[in-house]
Full PDB file with SEQRES, HELIX, SHEET, SSBOND, CRYST1, ORIGX, SCALE, CONECT and MASTER records, all heavy atoms in Angstrom:
SEQRES   1 A   29  ALA ASN ASP VAL MET ALA TYR ILE PRO SER ARG ARG VAL          
SEQRES   2 A   29  LEU SER GLU GLY GLY TYR GLU GLY GLY GLY ALA MET VAL          
SEQRES   3 A   29  TYR TYR GLY                                                  
HELIX    1 AA1 ARG A   11  GLU A   16  1                                   6    
HELIX    2 AA2 GLY A   18  GLY A   18  1                                   1    
HELIX    3 AA3 TYR A   19  GLY A   23  3                                   5    
HELIX    4 AA4 MET A   25  TYR A   28  1                                   4    
CRYST1    1.000    1.000    1.000  90.00  90.00  90.00 P 1           1          
ORIGX1      1.000000  0.000000  0.000000        0.00000                         
ORIGX2      0.000000  1.000000  0.000000        0.00000                         
ORIGX3      0.000000  0.000000  1.000000        0.00000                         
SCALE1      1.000000  0.000000  0.000000        0.00000                         
SCALE2      0.000000  1.000000  0.000000        0.00000                         
SCALE3      0.000000  0.000000  1.000000        0.00000                         
ATOM      1  N   ALA A   1       7.964   0.637  11.635  1.00  0.00           N  
ATOM      2  CA  ALA A   1       9.195   0.283  12.370  1.00  0.00           C  
ATOM      3  C   ALA A   1      10.407   0.009  11.383  1.00  0.00           C  
ATOM      4  O   ALA A   1      10.222  -0.793  10.479  1.00  0.00           O  
ATOM      5  CB  ALA A   1       9.042  -0.925  13.262  1.00  0.00           C  
ATOM      6  N   ASN A   2      11.455   0.682  11.592  1.00  0.00           N  
ATOM      7  CA  ASN A   2      12.735   0.496  10.908  1.00  0.00           C  
ATOM      8  C   ASN A   2      12.806   0.982   9.510  1.00  0.00           C  
ATOM      9  O   ASN A   2      13.863   1.289   8.949  1.00  0.00           O  
ATOM     10  CB  ASN A   2      13.158  -1.053  10.987  1.00  0.00           C  
ATOM     11  CG  ASN A   2      13.400  -1.496  12.354  1.00  0.00           C  
ATOM     12  OD1 ASN A   2      14.226  -0.957  13.053  1.00  0.00           O  
ATOM     13  ND2 ASN A   2      12.623  -2.561  12.748  1.00  0.00           N  
ATOM     14  N   ASP A   3      11.640   1.156   8.858  1.00  0.00           N  
ATOM     15  CA  ASP A   3      11.565   1.647   7.439  1.00  0.00           C  
ATOM     16  C   ASP A   3      10.068   1.861   7.114  1.00  0.00           C  
ATOM     17  O   ASP A   3       9.274   1.165   7.562  1.00  0.00           O  
ATOM     18  CB  ASP A   3      12.158   0.662   6.505  1.00  0.00           C  
ATOM     19  CG  ASP A   3      12.321   1.248   5.101  1.00  0.00           C  
ATOM     20  OD1 ASP A   3      12.070   2.454   4.899  1.00  0.00           O  
ATOM     21  OD2 ASP A   3      12.732   0.470   4.176  1.00  0.00           O  
ATOM     22  N   VAL A   4       9.869   2.921   6.359  1.00  0.00           N  
ATOM     23  CA  VAL A   4       8.514   3.163   5.860  1.00  0.00           C  
ATOM     24  C   VAL A   4       8.712   3.358   4.303  1.00  0.00           C  
ATOM     25  O   VAL A   4       9.156   4.415   3.851  1.00  0.00           O  
ATOM     26  CB  VAL A   4       7.805   4.362   6.460  1.00  0.00           C  
ATOM     27  CG1 VAL A   4       6.396   4.620   5.788  1.00  0.00           C  
ATOM     28  CG2 VAL A   4       7.634   4.170   7.947  1.00  0.00           C  
ATOM     29  N   MET A   5       8.387   2.231   3.561  1.00  0.00           N  
ATOM     30  CA  MET A   5       8.604   2.284   2.148  1.00  0.00           C  
ATOM     31  C   MET A   5       7.323   2.356   1.327  1.00  0.00           C  
ATOM     32  O   MET A   5       7.356   2.672   0.147  1.00  0.00           O  
ATOM     33  CB  MET A   5       9.355   0.974   1.768  1.00  0.00           C  
ATOM     34  CG  MET A   5       8.509  -0.316   1.735  1.00  0.00           C  
ATOM     35  SD  MET A   5       7.792  -0.740   3.316  1.00  0.00           S  
ATOM     36  CE  MET A   5       9.263  -1.040   4.347  1.00  0.00           C  
ATOM     37  N   ALA A   6       6.150   2.103   1.978  1.00  0.00           N  
ATOM     38  CA  ALA A   6       4.847   2.128   1.329  1.00  0.00           C  
ATOM     39  C   ALA A   6       3.829   1.610   2.278  1.00  0.00           C  
ATOM     40  O   ALA A   6       4.117   1.266   3.447  1.00  0.00           O  
ATOM     41  CB  ALA A   6       4.902   1.245   0.103  1.00  0.00           C  
ATOM     42  N   TYR A   7       2.529   1.588   1.862  1.00  0.00           N  
ATOM     43  CA  TYR A   7       1.501   0.936   2.647  1.00  0.00           C  
ATOM     44  C   TYR A   7       1.736  -0.592   2.448  1.00  0.00           C  
ATOM     45  O   TYR A   7       2.201  -1.052   1.382  1.00  0.00           O  
ATOM     46  CB  TYR A   7       0.134   1.304   2.080  1.00  0.00           C  
ATOM     47  CG  TYR A   7      -0.442   2.583   2.678  1.00  0.00           C  
ATOM     48  CD1 TYR A   7       0.036   3.798   2.083  1.00  0.00           C  
ATOM     49  CD2 TYR A   7      -1.346   2.585   3.657  1.00  0.00           C  
ATOM     50  CE1 TYR A   7      -0.458   4.998   2.623  1.00  0.00           C  
ATOM     51  CE2 TYR A   7      -1.827   3.748   4.151  1.00  0.00           C  
ATOM     52  CZ  TYR A   7      -1.374   4.961   3.644  1.00  0.00           C  
ATOM     53  OH  TYR A   7      -1.807   6.184   4.150  1.00  0.00           O  
ATOM     54  N   ILE A   8       1.384  -1.358   3.519  1.00  0.00           N  
ATOM     55  CA  ILE A   8       1.490  -2.735   3.493  1.00  0.00           C  
ATOM     56  C   ILE A   8       0.100  -3.346   3.561  1.00  0.00           C  
ATOM     57  O   ILE A   8      -0.418  -3.514   4.619  1.00  0.00           O  
ATOM     58  CB  ILE A   8       2.440  -3.310   4.617  1.00  0.00           C  
ATOM     59  CG1 ILE A   8       3.789  -2.680   4.446  1.00  0.00           C  
ATOM     60  CG2 ILE A   8       2.575  -4.865   4.526  1.00  0.00           C  
ATOM     61  CD1 ILE A   8       4.553  -2.964   3.280  1.00  0.00           C  
ATOM     62  N   PRO A   9      -0.547  -3.604   2.429  1.00  0.00           N  
ATOM     63  CA  PRO A   9      -1.913  -4.113   2.478  1.00  0.00           C  
ATOM     64  C   PRO A   9      -1.967  -5.649   2.712  1.00  0.00           C  
ATOM     65  O   PRO A   9      -1.011  -6.331   2.446  1.00  0.00           O  
ATOM     66  CB  PRO A   9      -2.409  -3.811   1.031  1.00  0.00           C  
ATOM     67  CG  PRO A   9      -1.163  -3.907   0.180  1.00  0.00           C  
ATOM     68  CD  PRO A   9      -0.055  -3.416   0.985  1.00  0.00           C  
ATOM     69  N   SER A  10      -3.011  -6.029   3.341  1.00  0.00           N  
ATOM     70  CA  SER A  10      -3.263  -7.509   3.477  1.00  0.00           C  
ATOM     71  C   SER A  10      -3.793  -7.958   2.022  1.00  0.00           C  
ATOM     72  O   SER A  10      -4.014  -7.216   1.170  1.00  0.00           O  
ATOM     73  CB  SER A  10      -4.388  -7.720   4.473  1.00  0.00           C  
ATOM     74  OG  SER A  10      -5.545  -7.139   4.114  1.00  0.00           O  
ATOM     75  N   ARG A  11      -3.958  -9.278   1.960  1.00  0.00           N  
ATOM     76  CA  ARG A  11      -4.453  -9.841   0.692  1.00  0.00           C  
ATOM     77  C   ARG A  11      -5.882  -9.262   0.445  1.00  0.00           C  
ATOM     78  O   ARG A  11      -6.282  -8.925  -0.683  1.00  0.00           O  
ATOM     79  CB  ARG A  11      -4.473 -11.411   0.763  1.00  0.00           C  
ATOM     80  CG  ARG A  11      -4.808 -11.970  -0.615  1.00  0.00           C  
ATOM     81  CD  ARG A  11      -4.748 -13.444  -0.544  1.00  0.00           C  
ATOM     82  NE  ARG A  11      -4.906 -14.044  -1.863  1.00  0.00           N  
ATOM     83  CZ  ARG A  11      -3.874 -14.398  -2.671  1.00  0.00           C  
ATOM     84  NH1 ARG A  11      -2.728 -14.204  -2.331  1.00  0.00           N  
ATOM     85  NH2 ARG A  11      -4.134 -14.961  -3.852  1.00  0.00           N  
ATOM     86  N   ARG A  12      -6.694  -9.115   1.531  1.00  0.00           N  
ATOM     87  CA  ARG A  12      -7.980  -8.469   1.383  1.00  0.00           C  
ATOM     88  C   ARG A  12      -7.959  -7.073   0.809  1.00  0.00           C  
ATOM     89  O   ARG A  12      -8.625  -6.753  -0.222  1.00  0.00           O  
ATOM     90  CB  ARG A  12      -8.659  -8.481   2.728  1.00  0.00           C  
ATOM     91  CG  ARG A  12     -10.062  -7.728   2.706  1.00  0.00           C  
ATOM     92  CD  ARG A  12     -10.641  -7.585   4.111  1.00  0.00           C  
ATOM     93  NE  ARG A  12      -9.772  -6.738   5.016  1.00  0.00           N  
ATOM     94  CZ  ARG A  12      -9.962  -5.427   5.018  1.00  0.00           C  
ATOM     95  NH1 ARG A  12     -10.865  -4.807   4.238  1.00  0.00           N  
ATOM     96  NH2 ARG A  12      -9.262  -4.696   5.811  1.00  0.00           N  
ATOM     97  N   VAL A  13      -7.143  -6.243   1.426  1.00  0.00           N  
ATOM     98  CA  VAL A  13      -7.031  -4.817   0.993  1.00  0.00           C  
ATOM     99  C   VAL A  13      -6.440  -4.748  -0.370  1.00  0.00           C  
ATOM    100  O   VAL A  13      -6.838  -3.902  -1.214  1.00  0.00           O  
ATOM    101  CB  VAL A  13      -6.255  -4.053   1.975  1.00  0.00           C  
ATOM    102  CG1 VAL A  13      -6.010  -2.605   1.529  1.00  0.00           C  
ATOM    103  CG2 VAL A  13      -7.006  -3.963   3.355  1.00  0.00           C  
ATOM    104  N   LEU A  14      -5.407  -5.587  -0.676  1.00  0.00           N  
ATOM    105  CA  LEU A  14      -4.798  -5.566  -2.000  1.00  0.00           C  
ATOM    106  C   LEU A  14      -5.852  -5.900  -3.098  1.00  0.00           C  
ATOM    107  O   LEU A  14      -5.893  -5.338  -4.129  1.00  0.00           O  
ATOM    108  CB  LEU A  14      -3.629  -6.607  -1.993  1.00  0.00           C  
ATOM    109  CG  LEU A  14      -2.676  -6.570  -3.180  1.00  0.00           C  
ATOM    110  CD1 LEU A  14      -2.002  -5.195  -3.286  1.00  0.00           C  
ATOM    111  CD2 LEU A  14      -1.658  -7.708  -3.119  1.00  0.00           C  
ATOM    112  N   SER A  15      -6.711  -6.909  -2.814  1.00  0.00           N  
ATOM    113  CA  SER A  15      -7.724  -7.283  -3.815  1.00  0.00           C  
ATOM    114  C   SER A  15      -8.798  -6.205  -3.970  1.00  0.00           C  
ATOM    115  O   SER A  15      -9.272  -6.031  -5.041  1.00  0.00           O  
ATOM    116  CB  SER A  15      -8.339  -8.577  -3.438  1.00  0.00           C  
ATOM    117  OG  SER A  15      -9.149  -8.468  -2.225  1.00  0.00           O  
ATOM    118  N   GLU A  16      -9.045  -5.447  -2.836  1.00  0.00           N  
ATOM    119  CA  GLU A  16     -10.048  -4.383  -2.952  1.00  0.00           C  
ATOM    120  C   GLU A  16      -9.553  -3.170  -3.613  1.00  0.00           C  
ATOM    121  O   GLU A  16     -10.314  -2.418  -4.271  1.00  0.00           O  
ATOM    122  CB  GLU A  16     -10.510  -3.998  -1.550  1.00  0.00           C  
ATOM    123  CG  GLU A  16     -11.308  -5.069  -0.780  1.00  0.00           C  
ATOM    124  CD  GLU A  16     -11.592  -4.635   0.694  1.00  0.00           C  
ATOM    125  OE1 GLU A  16     -11.119  -3.557   1.089  1.00  0.00           O  
ATOM    126  OE2 GLU A  16     -12.325  -5.388   1.299  1.00  0.00           O  
ATOM    127  N   GLY A  17      -8.234  -2.966  -3.638  1.00  0.00           N  
ATOM    128  CA  GLY A  17      -7.574  -1.827  -4.312  1.00  0.00           C  
ATOM    129  C   GLY A  17      -7.774  -0.596  -3.544  1.00  0.00           C  
ATOM    130  O   GLY A  17      -7.766  -0.556  -2.269  1.00  0.00           O  
ATOM    131  N   GLY A  18      -7.949   0.580  -4.239  1.00  0.00           N  
ATOM    132  CA  GLY A  18      -8.068   1.822  -3.489  1.00  0.00           C  
ATOM    133  C   GLY A  18      -6.679   2.313  -3.101  1.00  0.00           C  
ATOM    134  O   GLY A  18      -5.616   1.888  -3.533  1.00  0.00           O  
ATOM    135  N   TYR A  19      -6.712   3.331  -2.216  1.00  0.00           N  
ATOM    136  CA  TYR A  19      -5.427   4.037  -1.848  1.00  0.00           C  
ATOM    137  C   TYR A  19      -4.510   3.086  -1.146  1.00  0.00           C  
ATOM    138  O   TYR A  19      -3.338   2.919  -1.574  1.00  0.00           O  
ATOM    139  CB  TYR A  19      -5.831   5.200  -0.960  1.00  0.00           C  
ATOM    140  CG  TYR A  19      -4.646   6.061  -0.596  1.00  0.00           C  
ATOM    141  CD1 TYR A  19      -4.130   7.081  -1.480  1.00  0.00           C  
ATOM    142  CD2 TYR A  19      -4.095   6.011   0.694  1.00  0.00           C  
ATOM    143  CE1 TYR A  19      -3.083   7.853  -1.182  1.00  0.00           C  
ATOM    144  CE2 TYR A  19      -3.020   6.823   1.037  1.00  0.00           C  
ATOM    145  CZ  TYR A  19      -2.527   7.699   0.119  1.00  0.00           C  
ATOM    146  OH  TYR A  19      -1.447   8.552   0.427  1.00  0.00           O  
ATOM    147  N   GLU A  20      -4.970   2.343  -0.084  1.00  0.00           N  
ATOM    148  CA  GLU A  20      -4.025   1.567   0.655  1.00  0.00           C  
ATOM    149  C   GLU A  20      -3.659   0.280  -0.185  1.00  0.00           C  
ATOM    150  O   GLU A  20      -2.623  -0.340   0.055  1.00  0.00           O  
ATOM    151  CB  GLU A  20      -4.641   1.130   2.045  1.00  0.00           C  
ATOM    152  CG  GLU A  20      -4.901   2.335   2.937  1.00  0.00           C  
ATOM    153  CD  GLU A  20      -6.225   2.856   2.732  1.00  0.00           C  
ATOM    154  OE1 GLU A  20      -6.986   2.558   1.783  1.00  0.00           O  
ATOM    155  OE2 GLU A  20      -6.700   3.695   3.606  1.00  0.00           O  
ATOM    156  N   GLY A  21      -4.592  -0.135  -1.012  1.00  0.00           N  
ATOM    157  CA  GLY A  21      -4.357  -1.290  -1.803  1.00  0.00           C  
ATOM    158  C   GLY A  21      -3.435  -1.176  -2.991  1.00  0.00           C  
ATOM    159  O   GLY A  21      -3.085  -2.177  -3.626  1.00  0.00           O  
ATOM    160  N   GLY A  22      -3.015   0.029  -3.304  1.00  0.00           N  
ATOM    161  CA  GLY A  22      -2.085   0.232  -4.370  1.00  0.00           C  
ATOM    162  C   GLY A  22      -1.973   1.689  -4.939  1.00  0.00           C  
ATOM    163  O   GLY A  22      -0.922   2.041  -5.497  1.00  0.00           O  
ATOM    164  N   GLY A  23      -3.017   2.403  -4.724  1.00  0.00           N  
ATOM    165  CA  GLY A  23      -3.003   3.806  -5.248  1.00  0.00           C  
ATOM    166  C   GLY A  23      -1.791   4.636  -4.756  1.00  0.00           C  
ATOM    167  O   GLY A  23      -1.312   5.528  -5.359  1.00  0.00           O  
ATOM    168  N   ALA A  24      -1.529   4.361  -3.433  1.00  0.00           N  
ATOM    169  CA  ALA A  24      -0.490   5.153  -2.768  1.00  0.00           C  
ATOM    170  C   ALA A  24       0.911   4.860  -3.215  1.00  0.00           C  
ATOM    171  O   ALA A  24       1.826   5.640  -2.860  1.00  0.00           O  
ATOM    172  CB  ALA A  24      -0.626   4.966  -1.290  1.00  0.00           C  
ATOM    173  N   MET A  25       1.038   3.761  -3.931  1.00  0.00           N  
ATOM    174  CA  MET A  25       2.432   3.348  -4.297  1.00  0.00           C  
ATOM    175  C   MET A  25       3.167   4.459  -5.123  1.00  0.00           C  
ATOM    176  O   MET A  25       4.384   4.613  -5.084  1.00  0.00           O  
ATOM    177  CB  MET A  25       2.380   2.060  -5.118  1.00  0.00           C  
ATOM    178  CG  MET A  25       1.846   0.891  -4.308  1.00  0.00           C  
ATOM    179  SD  MET A  25       2.912   0.357  -2.922  1.00  0.00           S  
ATOM    180  CE  MET A  25       4.006  -0.772  -3.660  1.00  0.00           C  
ATOM    181  N   VAL A  26       2.383   5.215  -5.897  1.00  0.00           N  
ATOM    182  CA  VAL A  26       2.992   6.266  -6.703  1.00  0.00           C  
ATOM    183  C   VAL A  26       3.711   7.296  -5.913  1.00  0.00           C  
ATOM    184  O   VAL A  26       4.703   7.849  -6.297  1.00  0.00           O  
ATOM    185  CB  VAL A  26       1.904   6.900  -7.636  1.00  0.00           C  
ATOM    186  CG1 VAL A  26       0.867   7.697  -6.838  1.00  0.00           C  
ATOM    187  CG2 VAL A  26       2.524   7.875  -8.657  1.00  0.00           C  
ATOM    188  N   TYR A  27       3.163   7.610  -4.708  1.00  0.00           N  
ATOM    189  CA  TYR A  27       3.833   8.652  -3.850  1.00  0.00           C  
ATOM    190  C   TYR A  27       5.094   8.122  -3.199  1.00  0.00           C  
ATOM    191  O   TYR A  27       5.947   8.896  -2.754  1.00  0.00           O  
ATOM    192  CB  TYR A  27       2.844   9.103  -2.784  1.00  0.00           C  
ATOM    193  CG  TYR A  27       1.503   9.548  -3.372  1.00  0.00           C  
ATOM    194  CD1 TYR A  27       0.297   8.772  -3.256  1.00  0.00           C  
ATOM    195  CD2 TYR A  27       1.472  10.720  -4.046  1.00  0.00           C  
ATOM    196  CE1 TYR A  27      -0.905   9.248  -3.815  1.00  0.00           C  
ATOM    197  CE2 TYR A  27       0.252  11.171  -4.669  1.00  0.00           C  
ATOM    198  CZ  TYR A  27      -0.927  10.430  -4.497  1.00  0.00           C  
ATOM    199  OH  TYR A  27      -2.073  10.863  -5.109  1.00  0.00           O  
ATOM    200  N   TYR A  28       5.197   6.824  -3.093  1.00  0.00           N  
ATOM    201  CA  TYR A  28       6.417   6.219  -2.525  1.00  0.00           C  
ATOM    202  C   TYR A  28       7.455   5.902  -3.571  1.00  0.00           C  
ATOM    203  O   TYR A  28       8.633   5.575  -3.205  1.00  0.00           O  
ATOM    204  CB  TYR A  28       6.119   4.951  -1.753  1.00  0.00           C  
ATOM    205  CG  TYR A  28       5.428   5.244  -0.367  1.00  0.00           C  
ATOM    206  CD1 TYR A  28       4.102   5.140  -0.206  1.00  0.00           C  
ATOM    207  CD2 TYR A  28       6.243   5.576   0.724  1.00  0.00           C  
ATOM    208  CE1 TYR A  28       3.492   5.398   0.957  1.00  0.00           C  
ATOM    209  CE2 TYR A  28       5.628   5.869   1.930  1.00  0.00           C  
ATOM    210  CZ  TYR A  28       4.275   5.794   2.068  1.00  0.00           C  
ATOM    211  OH  TYR A  28       3.705   5.985   3.263  1.00  0.00           O  
ATOM    212  N   GLY A  29       7.142   5.970  -4.844  1.00  0.00           N  
ATOM    213  CA  GLY A  29       8.113   5.794  -5.890  1.00  0.00           C  
ATOM    214  C   GLY A  29       8.359   4.361  -6.240  1.00  0.00           C  
ATOM    215  O   GLY A  29       9.232   4.037  -7.089  1.00  0.00           O  
TER     216      GLY A  29                                                      
MASTER        0    0    0    4    0    0    0    6  215    1    0    3          
END                                                                             
């Protein structure tokens, strides 16, 4: 809604890593 700048991981997903946890950031710049 209103903007799509990147994936927004929870603390759980951020700590697990992977695509949604941080890998996708490269595609959003």
